[in-house]
């Protein structure tokens, strides 16, 4: 059996549809609830590192001291061990910063459904193989990667965010958009303090019911995209033979 180590930053951000994929591939997920003070275990026994989103920002180490150890673990995992990595939203930003990239406040906040375009490099990259050039994706972020780390390939962008996805070789991927998103995710997010307000600032009054109407018909397409990325990653890294 393979083991996935999952860094979690708050209750309402979870692996979503990836848990189904792990079950199919007999990958056992093990969570580290970092915001509760749980320590990161030794990395050697694990086969995949999965880093989720959260309300924190990468520059808040003074407020969240555990983030220093998290960044160090990500850097060791991706640069030195070169093992499979998936980072979503904050996990994407942490990947970039741990490897020498830069993260800052977003030029434009993206909350809701937005268009995503693959770059020329993304269209050719093994981890995005089989994807169409444009997609609808779910976003919720107020920070963004402003400079990709050395050696990273930028795979996708949106109108407001130039670095929506990156890859390191064929073993690590980070996505600013929420590729793990499921219908259950929306219920969790909407209960978070400030989510509805942030959505209405971005999309206007009554944005939440409109978002539900827009997002739910798009779920099959979002799921197909995520499944393709996952399959490409675990095939490229040998987790599935």
Protein backbone atom coordinates (compact mmCIF):
# COMPACT_ATOMS: atom_id res chain seq x y z
CA UNK A 1 0.00 0.00 0.00
CA UNK A 2 1.13 3.52 -0.81
CA UNK A 3 0.80 6.38 1.70
CA UNK A 4 -0.11 10.03 1.11
CA UNK A 5 0.89 12.65 3.66
CA UNK A 6 -1.64 15.51 3.67
CA UNK A 7 -0.88 18.93 5.17
CA UNK A 8 -4.17 20.51 6.23
CA UNK A 9 -4.54 24.15 7.34
CA UNK A 10 -8.20 24.28 8.41
CA UNK A 11 -11.23 21.99 8.62
CA UNK A 12 -13.08 23.23 5.56
CA UNK A 13 -10.24 22.66 3.09
CA UNK A 14 -9.94 18.95 2.40
CA UNK A 15 -8.82 16.76 -0.54
CA UNK A 16 -12.33 16.45 -1.97
CA UNK A 17 -12.44 14.24 -5.04
CA UNK A 18 -8.80 13.17 -4.55
CA UNK A 19 -9.87 10.92 -1.67
CA UNK A 20 -11.86 8.84 -4.15
CA UNK A 21 -8.84 8.61 -6.43
CA UNK A 22 -6.63 7.53 -3.53
CA UNK A 23 -9.07 4.78 -2.59
CA UNK A 24 -9.08 3.44 -6.15
CA UNK A 25 -5.28 3.30 -6.18
CA UNK A 26 -4.98 1.88 -2.65
CA UNK A 27 -3.23 5.00 -1.38
CA UNK A 28 -3.75 5.57 2.35
CA UNK A 29 -4.21 9.26 3.29
CA UNK A 30 -2.71 10.47 6.56
CA UNK A 31 -3.52 14.01 7.72
CA UNK A 32 -1.39 16.49 9.63
CA UNK A 33 -3.62 19.20 11.13
CA UNK A 34 -0.96 21.88 11.23
CA UNK A 35 -3.13 24.67 12.65
CA UNK A 36 -3.82 22.48 15.69
CA UNK A 37 -0.13 22.02 16.40
CA UNK A 38 0.31 18.52 15.01
CA UNK A 39 3.93 17.93 14.04
CA UNK A 40 5.13 16.82 10.64
CA UNK A 41 6.29 13.19 10.81
CA UNK A 42 9.47 11.88 9.15
CA UNK A 43 8.95 12.05 5.39
CA UNK A 44 10.71 8.86 4.33
CA UNK A 45 7.77 6.42 4.70
CA UNK A 46 5.46 8.42 2.42
CA UNK A 47 4.93 8.22 -1.33
CA UNK A 48 2.93 11.41 -2.04
CA UNK A 49 2.76 14.83 -0.37
CA UNK A 50 -0.54 16.70 -0.73
CA UNK A 51 -0.76 20.28 0.59
CA UNK A 52 -4.17 21.92 0.86
CA UNK A 53 -5.45 25.48 0.88
CA UNK A 54 -6.20 27.62 3.90
CA UNK A 55 -6.90 31.09 5.22
CA UNK A 56 -3.24 31.72 6.05
CA UNK A 57 -0.75 33.59 3.85
CA UNK A 58 2.78 32.40 3.17
CA UNK A 59 4.33 35.48 4.79
CA UNK A 60 2.56 34.96 8.15
CA UNK A 61 5.23 32.83 9.79
CA UNK A 62 5.16 35.05 12.89
CA UNK A 63 1.46 34.25 13.34
CA UNK A 64 1.78 30.59 12.29
CA UNK A 65 5.28 29.41 13.32
CA UNK A 66 4.59 25.86 12.10
CA UNK A 67 4.71 27.23 8.56
CA UNK A 68 8.53 27.33 8.70
CA UNK A 69 8.71 23.57 9.20
CA UNK A 70 6.07 23.09 6.52
CA UNK A 71 8.05 25.05 3.93
CA UNK A 72 11.22 23.16 4.85
CA UNK A 73 9.42 19.83 4.44
CA UNK A 74 8.02 20.86 1.05
CA UNK A 75 11.45 21.96 -0.15
CA UNK A 76 13.06 18.73 0.99
CA UNK A 77 10.29 16.65 -0.58
CA UNK A 78 10.26 18.30 -4.00
CA UNK A 79 13.88 19.41 -4.52
CA UNK A 80 15.82 16.71 -2.71
CA UNK A 81 13.56 13.66 -2.69
CA UNK A 82 11.88 14.49 -6.04
CA UNK A 83 8.73 12.61 -5.00
CA UNK A 84 5.11 13.23 -6.11
CA UNK A 85 3.61 16.49 -4.83
CA UNK A 86 0.22 18.18 -5.24
CA UNK A 87 -0.35 21.68 -3.86
CA UNK A 88 -3.69 23.48 -4.08
CA UNK A 89 -4.21 27.23 -3.54
CA UNK A 90 -2.10 27.89 -0.42
CA UNK A 91 -0.31 24.60 -1.16
CA UNK A 92 0.60 26.00 -4.60
CA UNK A 93 1.91 29.22 -3.05
CA UNK A 94 3.88 27.34 -0.38
CA UNK A 95 5.48 25.17 -3.07
CA UNK A 96 6.63 28.23 -4.97
CA UNK A 97 7.98 30.03 -1.91
CA UNK A 98 9.69 26.93 -0.51
CA UNK A 99 11.61 26.61 -3.78
CA UNK A 100 12.66 30.24 -4.04
CA UNK A 101 9.69 31.84 -5.82
CA UNK A 102 7.74 34.83 -4.57
CA UNK A 103 4.16 35.29 -3.32
CA UNK A 104 2.30 38.55 -2.73
CA UNK A 105 -1.15 40.06 -2.52
CA UNK A 106 -3.19 39.36 -5.64
CA UNK A 107 -3.62 42.20 -8.10
CA UNK A 108 -7.25 41.13 -8.39
CA UNK A 109 -9.05 38.81 -5.99
CA UNK A 110 -10.63 35.79 -7.66
CA UNK A 111 -13.61 34.32 -5.81
CA UNK A 112 -15.99 32.06 -7.75
CA UNK A 113 -15.85 30.50 -11.22
CA UNK A 114 -13.24 31.87 -13.62
CA UNK A 115 -11.76 31.00 -16.99
CA UNK A 116 -8.42 29.20 -17.08
CA UNK A 117 -6.14 29.05 -20.12
CA UNK A 118 -3.27 26.61 -20.55
CA UNK A 119 0.03 28.15 -21.60
CA UNK A 120 1.92 26.86 -24.62
CA UNK A 121 4.18 25.00 -22.20
CA UNK A 122 1.14 23.65 -20.37
CA UNK A 123 -0.34 22.26 -23.56
CA UNK A 124 2.89 20.33 -24.15
CA UNK A 125 3.56 19.25 -20.56
CA UNK A 126 3.18 15.64 -19.50
CA UNK A 127 1.15 16.53 -16.39
CA UNK A 128 -1.45 18.38 -18.49
CA UNK A 129 -1.46 15.87 -21.33
CA UNK A 130 -4.95 15.34 -22.73
CA UNK A 131 -6.40 18.62 -21.44
CA UNK A 132 -8.16 21.10 -23.67
CA UNK A 133 -6.74 24.65 -23.89
CA UNK A 134 -9.47 26.36 -21.80
CA UNK A 135 -11.41 25.41 -18.68
CA UNK A 136 -13.81 26.77 -16.07
CA UNK A 137 -12.35 26.45 -12.58
CA UNK A 138 -13.23 27.38 -9.01
CA UNK A 139 -11.14 30.07 -7.35
CA UNK A 140 -10.85 31.60 -3.90
CA UNK A 141 -7.63 33.49 -3.28
CA UNK A 142 -6.41 36.91 -2.21
CA UNK A 143 -2.70 36.18 -2.75
CA UNK A 144 -0.87 34.91 -5.81
CA UNK A 145 2.51 33.67 -6.98
CA UNK A 146 4.30 36.69 -8.40
CA UNK A 147 7.47 34.87 -9.44
CA UNK A 148 7.76 31.16 -10.16
CA UNK A 149 10.75 29.32 -8.69
CA UNK A 150 13.75 28.56 -10.84
CA UNK A 151 13.20 25.46 -12.93
CA UNK A 152 9.39 25.60 -12.73
CA UNK A 153 7.14 25.48 -15.78
CA UNK A 154 4.08 27.74 -15.75
CA UNK A 155 1.23 25.56 -17.01
CA UNK A 156 -1.82 27.83 -16.89
CA UNK A 157 -3.00 31.39 -16.30
CA UNK A 158 -6.19 33.39 -15.91
CA UNK A 159 -7.02 36.93 -16.94
CA UNK A 160 -5.99 38.26 -13.52
CA UNK A 161 -3.41 35.71 -12.38
CA UNK A 162 -0.44 34.91 -14.59
CA UNK A 163 0.72 31.87 -12.60
CA UNK A 164 -2.30 29.63 -12.04
CA UNK A 165 -0.40 26.33 -12.18
CA UNK A 166 3.21 25.23 -12.16
CA UNK A 167 5.12 21.98 -12.49
CA UNK A 168 8.55 20.92 -11.32
CA UNK A 169 9.74 18.32 -13.80
CA UNK A 170 7.02 15.63 -13.85
CA UNK A 171 6.73 14.95 -10.12
CA UNK A 172 5.29 18.13 -8.60
CA UNK A 173 2.31 20.30 -9.47
CA UNK A 174 0.75 23.33 -7.84
CA UNK A 175 -2.60 24.86 -8.81
CA UNK A 176 -3.94 28.20 -7.62
CA UNK A 177 -7.43 27.06 -8.59
CA UNK A 178 -9.33 24.51 -6.51
CA UNK A 179 -9.11 21.36 -8.59
CA UNK A 180 -10.25 19.27 -5.59
CA UNK A 181 -13.59 21.10 -5.54
CA UNK A 182 -16.83 19.11 -5.05
CA UNK A 183 -20.45 20.08 -4.28
CA UNK A 184 -19.70 19.34 -0.63
CA UNK A 185 -16.83 21.85 -0.70
CA UNK A 186 -19.23 24.69 -1.39
CA UNK A 187 -21.22 23.99 1.75
CA UNK A 188 -18.06 24.05 3.85
CA UNK A 189 -16.74 27.23 2.30
CA UNK A 190 -20.03 29.10 2.66
CA UNK A 191 -19.98 28.51 6.42
CA UNK A 192 -16.59 30.19 6.80
CA UNK A 193 -16.64 33.71 8.27
CA UNK A 194 -16.26 36.27 5.51
CA UNK A 195 -16.74 33.95 2.53
CA UNK A 196 -20.15 35.26 1.45
CA UNK A 197 -18.96 38.83 1.99
CA UNK A 198 -15.82 38.25 -0.09
CA UNK A 199 -17.88 36.65 -2.82
CA UNK A 200 -20.30 39.57 -2.91
CA UNK A 201 -17.45 42.08 -3.01
CA UNK A 202 -16.13 40.29 -6.07
CA UNK A 203 -19.43 39.43 -7.77
CA UNK A 204 -22.10 41.73 -6.30
CA UNK A 205 -25.11 41.23 -4.02
CA UNK A 206 -26.78 37.82 -4.23
CA UNK A 207 -23.60 36.25 -5.62
CA UNK A 208 -23.81 33.00 -3.63
CA UNK A 209 -27.02 31.59 -5.16
CA UNK A 210 -25.80 32.70 -8.59
CA UNK A 211 -22.53 30.89 -7.99
CA UNK A 212 -24.38 27.69 -7.11
CA UNK A 213 -26.37 27.92 -10.33
CA UNK A 214 -23.19 28.48 -12.31
CA UNK A 215 -20.90 26.00 -10.57
CA UNK A 216 -22.97 22.85 -10.25
CA UNK A 217 -23.47 22.26 -13.99
CA UNK A 218 -19.70 22.67 -14.41
CA UNK A 219 -18.82 19.97 -11.87
CA UNK A 220 -18.47 17.12 -14.40
CA UNK A 221 -16.01 19.13 -16.47
CA UNK A 222 -14.03 20.19 -13.41
CA UNK A 223 -13.92 16.60 -12.25
CA UNK A 224 -12.74 15.32 -15.62
CA UNK A 225 -9.92 17.87 -15.65
CA UNK A 226 -8.82 16.95 -12.14
CA UNK A 227 -8.95 13.25 -12.90
CA UNK A 228 -6.74 13.73 -15.94
CA UNK A 229 -4.16 15.72 -13.95
CA UNK A 230 -4.13 13.10 -11.19
CA UNK A 231 -3.80 10.20 -13.62
CA UNK A 232 -0.98 11.95 -15.45
CA UNK A 233 0.90 12.61 -12.20
CA UNK A 234 0.72 9.16 -10.70
CA UNK A 235 1.52 7.52 -14.03
CA UNK A 236 4.50 9.82 -14.66
CA UNK A 237 5.86 9.21 -11.16
CA UNK A 238 5.30 5.46 -11.10
CA UNK A 239 2.71 5.44 -8.30
CA UNK A 240 0.47 3.53 -10.68
CA UNK A 241 2.11 0.85 -12.79
